[in-house]
Amino acid sequence: MKQDINICNNLKAIRNRLGMSQQDLANIVGVTRQSIAAVETGQCAPSVAISLRLAKALGCQVEDLFWLEEENLPKIEAILVGSTHNIQRSQVSLARIGDQWIAYPLLGRDAFRIEMIPSDAEVVAVSHPVVESDVGASPVRVVRQSGLGGFPHEELPKGLPNKSKLPLASTKVRNEHYPSGEAQSQTGTNKVLVRLLDDIEKLHNTVVIAGCTPVLSLLARGTERWHPQLRVHYRFAHSMAALHSLCRGEVHIAGMHLYDPQTEEHNIPFVREALTGKDAVLITLGVWQEGLLVPPGNPMKVKTVSDLVEFGATVVTHEVGSGNRMLLERKLQEERVPFEAMKRLNRIVHNHQEVALSIVSGIADAGISTASIAATFGLGFIPLHSARYDLVILKEYLQEASVQQFLNILGNRLVRSQLQILGGYDISKTGEVVANI
């Protein structure tokens, strides 16, 4: 039918993620290719029956494909907690207390949470030495157990699968601590016997994602809100560590923002090198502004990274292999300044919040982060680079319902609104497939 109301759709993005052409989808649904094209471009709205067939063919809900555009979102009055200083256009969290709405500003530390995560199980036995992981883990020394498969003779709980949907495969990956491209090999599968603390059926519907942007935790909570049966386990890791974790089969999705100056491409060269022999798809989360965070008002009048050396500024740096560390090193190289000439803190920071807090507390004069982090903490920002943040997914995982549900929210207007108000993000390409590896 001809479209006479504002109906938005996410059809093209979901179809491309699944590697379907318009003709492929048309054949499954039983319509012409031209009909699919007309729906994707918003020239017409499909009937209820066609909408249901499209959702079934793409393995999602109708609400993931279509929604009404609301130009004027509702507004309510709320009581603000704290000062109104610099609160205009700021983000807030809302709660109904008694007969009034209370608004809690999401600024500085209050924009982030430190949560204790409920456990799913308890380890009761281990077999094989545990290999050190790049993502949120420390090397652990363990003792081999006797018995079948290395475990004590103990009956497994009914319904417990013999192997995980994400097996820890034997891998050989490039380690970022070897700049010359040398690799170290970690071979073997680490097995543990666990005692379940929750219903195993609830554990199946989990998607695991590793990355460094705080936006991923925002997406995780949003996904769980719209898909109550879905669990999103977010693991913090810088770009190279997240990619290595994907290589080892530890996560479904890796988030990264690495730039290769030789090819002038984001992420793709690194994925090609790391995922040899594996098929993957890269989906854009957004383009963000990366640059120098400085105190409010930029008291040192810093304009370039070479100014940091000239003015003797103390700079907080990220770990090797992170996108922000690579950006700092690249900019210093472009300005012919040795990295060793920079006055740096004795400690390495591991996330964007730590960079901002180091500057807010006066420990450091500058550090590399994003425009949205600068705005959240009320800091000055000097843009250096526009980086594309991509989500990397192995194609074998694309058919899993949990992964599909997570990716489908990228087209949700409410999610896009969240990204937009953060500032410093270009969301015009959010959800688009940028490469098939």
Protein backbone atom coordinates (compact mmCIF):
# COMPACT_ATOMS: atom_id res chain seq x y z
CA MET A 1 0.00 0.00 0.00
CA LYS A 2 1.11 3.56 -0.57
CA GLN A 3 2.71 5.10 2.49
CA ASP A 4 0.74 8.05 3.86
CA ILE A 5 2.17 8.13 7.39
CA ASN A 6 5.69 8.40 8.77
CA ILE A 7 6.82 4.78 8.97
CA CYS A 8 10.55 4.13 9.42
CA ASN A 9 12.17 0.80 8.65
CA ASN A 10 15.39 -1.10 9.29
CA LEU A 11 14.84 -3.62 6.50
CA LYS A 12 17.92 -2.91 4.37
CA ALA A 13 20.37 -2.97 7.28
CA ILE A 14 19.11 -6.31 8.63
CA ARG A 15 18.96 -7.84 5.13
CA ASN A 16 22.55 -6.78 4.39
CA ARG A 17 23.78 -8.18 7.69
CA LEU A 18 22.40 -11.58 6.71
CA GLY A 19 23.99 -11.38 3.27
CA MET A 20 20.65 -11.38 1.45
CA SER A 21 19.98 -9.54 -1.80
CA GLN A 22 16.64 -7.89 -2.44
CA GLN A 23 15.80 -10.74 -4.81
CA ASP A 24 16.67 -13.38 -2.19
CA LEU A 25 14.33 -11.79 0.32
CA ALA A 26 11.61 -11.29 -2.28
CA ASN A 27 11.73 -15.00 -3.19
CA ILE A 28 11.32 -16.06 0.44
CA VAL A 29 8.49 -13.63 1.18
CA GLY A 30 6.72 -14.16 -2.13
CA VAL A 31 6.81 -10.64 -3.55
CA THR A 32 8.75 -8.89 -6.30
CA ARG A 33 12.19 -7.38 -5.89
CA GLN A 34 10.68 -4.00 -6.72
CA SER A 35 8.32 -4.37 -3.75
CA ILE A 36 11.23 -4.94 -1.39
CA ALA A 37 13.04 -1.90 -2.84
CA ALA A 38 9.92 0.24 -2.43
CA VAL A 39 9.56 -0.74 1.23
CA GLU A 40 13.25 -0.11 1.99
CA THR A 41 13.16 3.36 0.44
CA GLY A 42 9.92 4.24 2.27
CA GLN A 43 7.85 4.59 -0.91
CA CYS A 44 5.23 2.17 0.38
CA ALA A 45 4.22 0.39 3.58
CA PRO A 46 3.73 -3.40 3.51
CA SER A 47 0.55 -5.12 4.60
CA VAL A 48 0.34 -6.89 7.95
CA ALA A 49 0.80 -10.27 6.24
CA ILE A 50 3.90 -9.14 4.31
CA SER A 51 5.34 -7.53 7.45
CA LEU A 52 4.99 -10.81 9.32
CA ARG A 53 6.62 -12.73 6.46
CA LEU A 54 9.51 -10.26 6.33
CA ALA A 55 10.10 -10.59 10.07
CA LYS A 56 10.02 -14.40 9.85
CA ALA A 57 12.42 -14.45 6.89
CA LEU A 58 14.89 -12.19 8.70
CA GLY A 59 14.57 -13.91 12.07
CA CYS A 60 13.38 -10.87 13.98
CA GLN A 61 10.23 -9.18 15.29
CA VAL A 62 8.06 -6.83 13.26
CA GLU A 63 8.95 -4.06 15.74
CA ASP A 64 12.62 -4.51 14.80
CA LEU A 65 11.76 -3.78 11.16
CA PHE A 66 9.14 -1.03 11.36
CA TRP A 67 8.24 1.79 13.72
CA LEU A 68 6.33 5.07 13.62
CA GLU A 69 8.38 8.23 13.43
CA GLU A 70 7.56 10.49 16.34
CA GLU A 71 8.63 14.01 15.57
CA ASN A 72 7.54 15.43 18.92
CA LEU A 73 8.52 13.22 21.84
CA PRO A 74 6.53 13.84 25.04
CA LYS A 75 7.91 16.17 27.70
CA ILE A 76 7.37 16.08 31.46
CA GLU A 77 8.34 18.25 34.40
CA ALA A 78 10.86 16.82 36.85
CA ILE A 79 12.70 17.88 39.98
CA LEU A 80 16.44 18.10 39.33
CA VAL A 81 18.81 16.61 41.89
CA GLY A 82 21.79 18.91 42.38
CA SER A 83 22.80 22.20 40.77
CA THR A 84 21.37 23.58 37.52
CA HIS A 85 24.83 24.86 36.51
CA ASN A 86 25.70 23.73 32.95
CA ILE A 87 22.70 21.37 32.93
CA GLN A 88 21.15 22.56 29.66
CA ARG A 89 20.96 19.73 27.08
CA SER A 90 22.52 17.33 29.59
CA GLN A 91 21.44 13.73 29.95
CA VAL A 92 19.44 12.65 32.99
CA SER A 93 18.02 9.48 34.46
CA LEU A 94 14.38 9.62 35.58
CA ALA A 95 12.42 7.95 38.36
CA ARG A 96 8.92 8.44 39.75
CA ILE A 97 9.15 9.18 43.49
CA GLY A 98 5.73 9.58 45.09
CA ASP A 99 3.74 11.95 42.91
CA GLN A 100 6.63 13.64 41.10
CA TRP A 101 9.39 12.84 38.62
CA ILE A 102 12.99 13.15 39.81
CA ALA A 103 15.83 13.84 37.33
CA TYR A 104 19.35 12.63 38.16
CA PRO A 105 22.09 14.30 36.01
CA LEU A 106 24.36 11.84 34.18
CA LEU A 107 27.53 13.91 34.43
CA GLY A 108 31.08 12.94 35.40
CA ARG A 109 31.24 9.88 37.65
CA ASP A 110 27.44 9.73 37.83
CA ALA A 111 27.30 8.82 34.13
CA PHE A 112 28.93 5.43 34.88
CA ARG A 113 28.18 2.51 37.15
CA ILE A 114 30.31 0.12 39.14
CA GLU A 115 28.20 -2.99 39.47
CA MET A 116 28.66 -6.39 41.07
CA ILE A 117 27.57 -8.93 38.46
CA PRO A 118 25.44 -11.87 39.69
CA SER A 119 27.23 -15.16 39.05
CA ASP A 120 25.80 -17.99 36.94
CA ALA A 121 27.92 -20.78 38.34
CA GLU A 122 30.73 -21.76 40.69
CA VAL A 123 33.92 -23.48 39.51
CA VAL A 124 34.37 -26.80 41.32
CA ALA A 125 37.18 -28.38 39.26
CA VAL A 126 39.68 -27.41 36.59
CA SER A 127 41.54 -29.31 33.91
CA HIS A 128 44.50 -27.94 31.89
CA PRO A 129 46.43 -24.81 32.81
CA VAL A 130 44.42 -21.64 32.33
CA VAL A 131 45.92 -19.46 29.59
CA GLU A 132 46.14 -15.75 30.21
CA SER A 133 43.39 -13.80 28.42
CA ASP A 134 43.58 -10.24 27.06
CA VAL A 135 40.11 -9.44 28.35
CA GLY A 136 39.58 -8.81 32.03
CA ALA A 137 41.54 -11.81 33.29
CA SER A 138 44.78 -12.61 35.09
CA PRO A 139 46.94 -15.71 34.64
CA VAL A 140 45.87 -18.42 37.09
CA ARG A 141 47.96 -21.40 38.15
CA VAL A 142 45.87 -24.55 38.41
CA VAL A 143 46.42 -28.26 39.05
CA ARG A 144 45.28 -30.99 36.68
CA GLN A 145 42.47 -33.14 38.03
CA SER A 146 42.30 -36.90 37.67
CA GLY A 147 39.36 -38.78 36.23
CA LEU A 148 37.55 -38.87 32.92
CA GLY A 149 38.48 -35.91 30.70
CA GLY A 150 40.70 -34.56 33.45
CA PHE A 151 37.79 -34.04 35.87
CA PRO A 152 36.85 -36.04 38.97
CA HIS A 153 34.24 -38.72 38.32
CA GLU A 154 31.11 -36.67 38.90
CA GLU A 155 27.81 -36.72 37.10
CA LEU A 156 27.12 -33.61 35.06
CA PRO A 157 23.81 -31.78 35.63
CA LYS A 158 21.09 -32.81 33.23
CA GLY A 159 20.83 -30.52 30.23
CA LEU A 160 24.41 -29.31 30.56
CA PRO A 161 25.87 -29.15 27.03
CA ASN A 162 29.07 -31.05 26.32
CA LYS A 163 30.65 -27.96 24.84
CA SER A 164 29.95 -24.27 24.81
CA LYS A 165 28.50 -22.46 21.82
CA LEU A 166 31.71 -20.40 22.08
CA PRO A 167 34.47 -23.02 22.43
CA LEU A 168 37.88 -21.76 23.51
CA ALA A 169 39.73 -22.93 20.41
CA SER A 170 43.45 -23.48 20.09
CA THR A 171 44.72 -20.33 18.42
CA LYS A 172 47.84 -18.48 17.39
CA VAL A 173 47.34 -14.71 17.41
CA ARG A 174 49.59 -11.70 17.06
CA ASN A 175 50.37 -10.18 20.42
CA GLU A 176 50.45 -6.40 20.64
CA HIS A 177 53.50 -6.63 22.89
CA TYR A 178 55.51 -7.83 19.86
CA PRO A 179 55.75 -4.72 17.61
CA SER A 180 57.75 -6.51 14.94
CA GLY A 181 54.81 -8.77 14.20
CA GLU A 182 56.15 -11.75 16.09
CA ALA A 183 53.53 -13.99 17.62
CA GLN A 184 53.32 -16.09 20.67
CA SER A 185 51.31 -19.27 20.62
CA GLN A 186 48.91 -20.35 23.34
CA THR A 187 47.73 -23.85 22.59
CA GLY A 188 45.17 -25.93 24.46
CA THR A 189 41.59 -25.80 25.60
CA ASN A 190 40.87 -24.69 29.15
CA LYS A 191 38.13 -26.72 30.80
CA VAL A 192 36.35 -26.15 34.07
CA LEU A 193 33.54 -27.99 35.80
CA VAL A 194 30.99 -25.57 37.21
CA ARG A 195 28.03 -25.89 39.55
CA LEU A 196 25.09 -24.00 38.08
CA LEU A 197 23.49 -21.27 40.19
CA ASP A 198 20.74 -20.46 37.68
CA ASP A 199 18.42 -22.20 35.23
CA ILE A 200 20.53 -23.31 32.27
CA GLU A 201 17.77 -22.36 29.82
CA LYS A 202 18.27 -18.72 30.80
CA LEU A 203 21.99 -18.94 30.07
CA HIS A 204 21.61 -20.03 26.45
CA ASN A 205 20.17 -16.69 25.32
CA THR A 206 23.32 -14.65 26.00
CA VAL A 207 25.40 -12.51 23.67
CA VAL A 208 28.97 -11.64 24.69
CA ILE A 209 30.66 -8.48 23.43
CA ALA A 210 34.11 -7.00 24.10
CA GLY A 211 35.14 -3.42 23.44
CA CYS A 212 36.26 -0.16 25.00
CA THR A 213 33.54 2.40 24.31
CA PRO A 214 31.11 3.12 27.16
CA VAL A 215 28.38 3.12 24.49
CA LEU A 216 28.53 -0.69 24.47
CA SER A 217 27.30 -0.85 28.06
CA LEU A 218 24.52 1.55 27.08
CA LEU A 219 23.55 -0.74 24.18
CA ALA A 220 23.71 -3.77 26.46
CA ARG A 221 21.24 -2.29 28.92
CA GLY A 222 19.00 -1.06 26.09
CA THR A 223 18.93 -4.49 24.48
CA GLU A 224 17.92 -6.15 27.74
CA ARG A 225 15.16 -3.58 28.19
CA TRP A 226 13.61 -4.33 24.79
CA HIS A 227 14.39 -8.08 24.89
CA PRO A 228 13.83 -9.13 28.53
CA GLN A 229 14.80 -12.76 27.82
CA LEU A 230 18.16 -11.73 26.34
CA ARG A 231 21.31 -11.27 28.41
CA VAL A 232 24.20 -9.12 27.17
CA HIS A 233 27.55 -9.81 28.82
CA TYR A 234 29.82 -6.82 28.15
CA ARG A 235 33.56 -7.26 28.72
CA PHE A 236 35.84 -4.25 28.68
CA ALA A 237 38.83 -4.57 26.33
CA HIS A 238 40.81 -2.25 24.08
CA SER A 239 40.48 -2.77 20.34
CA MET A 240 43.30 -5.25 19.71
CA ALA A 241 42.49 -7.27 22.83
CA ALA A 242 38.83 -7.46 21.80
CA LEU A 243 39.80 -8.69 18.33
CA HIS A 244 42.10 -11.35 19.81
CA SER A 245 39.28 -12.43 22.11
CA LEU A 246 37.04 -12.90 19.06
CA CYS A 247 39.80 -14.96 17.40
CA ARG A 248 39.94 -17.27 20.41
CA GLY A 249 36.18 -17.81 20.37
CA GLU A 250 35.63 -16.04 23.70
CA VAL A 251 33.06 -13.50 22.48
CA HIS A 252 30.40 -13.13 19.79
CA ILE A 253 31.27 -9.52 18.94
CA ALA A 254 34.42 -7.38 19.12
CA GLY A 255 34.26 -3.59 19.08
CA MET A 256 37.23 -1.70 17.63
CA HIS A 257 38.43 1.68 16.35
CA LEU A 258 41.88 1.16 14.84
CA TYR A 259 43.20 3.21 11.92
CA ASP A 260 45.82 2.01 9.42
CA PRO A 261 47.62 5.04 7.92
CA GLN A 262 49.13 2.94 5.09
CA THR A 263 45.76 1.88 3.66
CA GLU A 264 43.84 4.82 5.20
CA GLU A 265 41.22 2.34 6.37
CA HIS A 266 39.62 1.78 9.74
CA ASN A 267 39.64 -1.71 11.30
CA ILE A 268 39.47 -3.78 8.09
CA PRO A 269 43.24 -4.41 7.66
CA PHE A 270 43.55 -5.52 11.30
CA VAL A 271 40.57 -7.87 11.01
CA ARG A 272 41.89 -9.41 7.78
CA GLU A 273 45.24 -10.14 9.42
CA ALA A 274 43.82 -11.54 12.65
CA LEU A 275 40.93 -13.61 11.28
CA THR A 276 42.83 -15.63 8.69
CA GLY A 277 40.60 -18.44 7.44
CA LYS A 278 37.47 -17.08 9.16
CA ASP A 279 34.54 -15.18 7.67
CA ALA A 280 33.39 -12.04 9.44
CA VAL A 281 31.23 -8.99 8.92
CA LEU A 282 31.95 -5.44 10.11
CA ILE A 283 28.98 -3.29 11.14
CA THR A 284 29.39 0.38 11.97
CA LEU A 285 28.33 1.60 15.40
CA GLY A 286 29.20 5.19 14.61
CA VAL A 287 31.93 7.69 13.84
CA TRP A 288 33.30 9.54 16.84
CA GLN A 289 35.67 12.44 17.39
CA GLU A 290 38.95 11.48 19.05
CA GLY A 291 41.34 14.04 20.44
CA LEU A 292 43.04 15.58 23.45
CA LEU A 293 41.18 16.06 26.70
CA VAL A 294 42.47 19.12 28.62
CA PRO A 295 41.27 21.04 31.69
CA PRO A 296 38.33 23.43 31.17
CA GLY A 297 39.39 26.52 29.26
CA ASN A 298 42.59 24.82 28.02
CA PRO A 299 44.87 26.83 30.37
CA MET A 300 48.07 25.68 28.61
CA LYS A 301 46.63 26.74 25.22
CA VAL A 302 47.50 23.37 23.72
CA LYS A 303 46.75 23.03 19.99
CA THR A 304 48.76 19.99 18.88
CA VAL A 305 50.42 16.99 20.50
CA SER A 306 53.85 18.58 20.00
CA ASP A 307 52.68 21.42 22.28
CA LEU A 308 52.41 18.87 25.07
CA VAL A 309 56.16 18.23 24.85
CA GLU A 310 57.06 21.90 24.44
CA PHE A 311 54.96 22.97 27.46
CA GLY A 312 56.11 20.04 29.61
CA ALA A 313 52.57 18.76 30.06
CA THR A 314 51.98 15.51 31.95
CA VAL A 315 50.08 13.13 29.69
CA VAL A 316 48.12 10.07 30.69
CA THR A 317 48.49 7.19 28.20
CA HIS A 318 46.62 4.00 27.32
CA GLU A 319 48.01 0.49 27.07
CA VAL A 320 49.76 -0.74 23.92
CA GLY A 321 47.30 -2.02 21.31
CA SER A 322 44.53 0.44 22.12
CA GLY A 323 43.19 2.80 19.48
CA ASN A 324 43.90 5.87 21.61
CA ARG A 325 47.54 4.87 22.19
CA MET A 326 48.01 4.29 18.46
CA LEU A 327 46.48 7.71 17.69
CA LEU A 328 48.86 9.47 20.09
CA GLU A 329 51.89 7.66 18.67
CA ARG A 330 50.81 8.39 15.09
CA LYS A 331 50.29 12.11 15.73
CA LEU A 332 53.67 12.39 17.45
CA GLN A 333 55.29 10.64 14.50
CA GLU A 334 53.58 13.00 12.04
CA GLU A 335 54.96 15.96 13.99
CA ARG A 336 58.42 14.29 14.24
CA VAL A 337 58.37 14.12 18.03
CA PRO A 338 59.76 10.98 19.72
CA PHE A 339 57.27 9.24 21.99
CA GLU A 340 59.99 9.08 24.67
CA ALA A 341 60.18 12.89 24.73
CA MET A 342 56.69 13.15 26.23
CA LYS A 343 56.30 13.54 29.98
CA ARG A 344 53.98 10.73 30.98
CA LEU A 345 52.40 9.42 34.13
CA ASN A 346 54.06 6.36 35.62
CA ARG A 347 50.81 4.44 35.38
CA ILE A 348 48.81 3.30 32.36
CA VAL A 349 45.06 3.93 32.22
CA HIS A 350 42.70 1.30 30.86
CA ASN A 351 39.53 3.18 29.89
CA HIS A 352 38.13 6.54 28.85
CA GLN A 353 36.75 7.37 32.30
CA GLU A 354 40.21 7.00 33.85
CA VAL A 355 41.63 9.47 31.33
CA ALA A 356 39.00 12.05 32.22
CA LEU A 357 39.32 11.50 35.97
CA SER A 358 43.11 11.90 35.79
CA ILE A 359 42.63 15.35 34.28
CA VAL A 360 39.73 16.36 36.53
CA SER A 361 41.80 15.46 39.62
CA GLY A 362 44.85 17.39 38.36
CA ILE A 363 47.07 14.31 38.14
CA ALA A 364 47.51 14.83 34.38
CA ASP A 365 47.33 17.81 32.04
CA ALA A 366 46.05 15.94 28.98
CA GLY A 367 45.09 12.58 27.53
CA ILE A 368 43.51 10.99 24.47
CA SER A 369 39.78 10.24 24.54
CA THR A 370 36.55 11.24 22.79
CA ALA A 371 34.43 14.37 22.48
CA SER A 372 31.53 12.70 24.31
CA ILE A 373 33.73 11.87 27.32
CA ALA A 374 35.00 15.48 27.36
CA ALA A 375 31.42 16.77 27.39
CA THR A 376 30.37 14.36 30.12
CA PHE A 377 33.15 15.50 32.45
CA GLY A 378 33.07 19.19 31.45
CA LEU A 379 36.59 19.15 30.00
CA GLY A 380 38.15 20.95 27.05
CA PHE A 381 38.57 19.00 23.81
CA ILE A 382 41.01 19.36 20.90
CA PRO A 383 39.91 17.17 17.95
CA LEU A 384 42.61 15.11 16.23
CA HIS A 385 40.84 12.37 14.26
CA SER A 386 37.41 11.07 13.24
CA ALA A 387 37.41 7.34 13.98
CA ARG A 388 34.91 4.75 12.82
CA TYR A 389 33.89 2.34 15.56
CA ASP A 390 32.90 -1.04 14.11
CA LEU A 391 31.42 -4.21 15.56
CA VAL A 392 33.15 -7.34 14.21
CA ILE A 393 31.07 -10.55 14.17
CA LEU A 394 32.01 -13.97 12.84
CA LYS A 395 29.46 -14.93 10.20
CA GLU A 396 28.81 -18.26 11.92
CA TYR A 397 27.29 -16.31 14.83
CA LEU A 398 24.95 -14.15 12.73
CA GLN A 399 22.20 -16.76 12.72
CA GLU A 400 22.08 -16.97 16.52
CA ALA A 401 18.94 -15.35 17.92
CA SER A 402 20.79 -13.55 20.71
CA VAL A 403 23.21 -11.91 18.26
CA GLN A 404 20.39 -10.92 15.91
CA GLN A 405 18.42 -9.31 18.73
CA PHE A 406 21.44 -7.28 19.81
CA LEU A 407 22.24 -6.08 16.28
CA ASN A 408 18.60 -5.26 15.50
CA ILE A 409 18.47 -2.55 18.15
CA LEU A 410 21.05 -0.53 16.20
CA GLY A 411 18.19 0.62 13.98
CA ASN A 412 15.92 1.50 16.89
CA ARG A 413 15.14 5.22 16.97
CA LEU A 414 15.47 5.33 20.76
CA VAL A 415 18.97 3.86 20.58
CA ARG A 416 19.94 6.37 17.91
CA SER A 417 18.59 9.16 20.11
CA GLN A 418 20.81 7.96 22.97
CA LEU A 419 23.89 8.07 20.73
CA GLN A 420 22.95 11.46 19.33
CA ILE A 421 22.62 13.25 22.66
CA LEU A 422 26.04 11.98 23.80
CA GLY A 423 27.64 14.43 21.37
CA GLY A 424 30.65 13.79 19.18
CA TYR A 425 29.00 10.88 17.36
CA ASP A 426 27.97 10.68 13.71
CA ILE A 427 25.20 8.08 13.59
CA SER A 428 24.28 8.44 9.91
CA LYS A 429 25.91 5.05 9.13
CA THR A 430 24.96 3.24 12.34
CA GLY A 431 23.95 -0.36 11.61
CA GLU A 432 25.41 -0.45 8.11
CA VAL A 433 27.62 -3.31 6.92
CA VAL A 434 30.98 -1.78 5.92
CA ALA A 435 32.87 -4.96 5.03
CA ASN A 436 32.64 -8.70 4.58
CA ILE A 437 35.91 -10.48 5.36
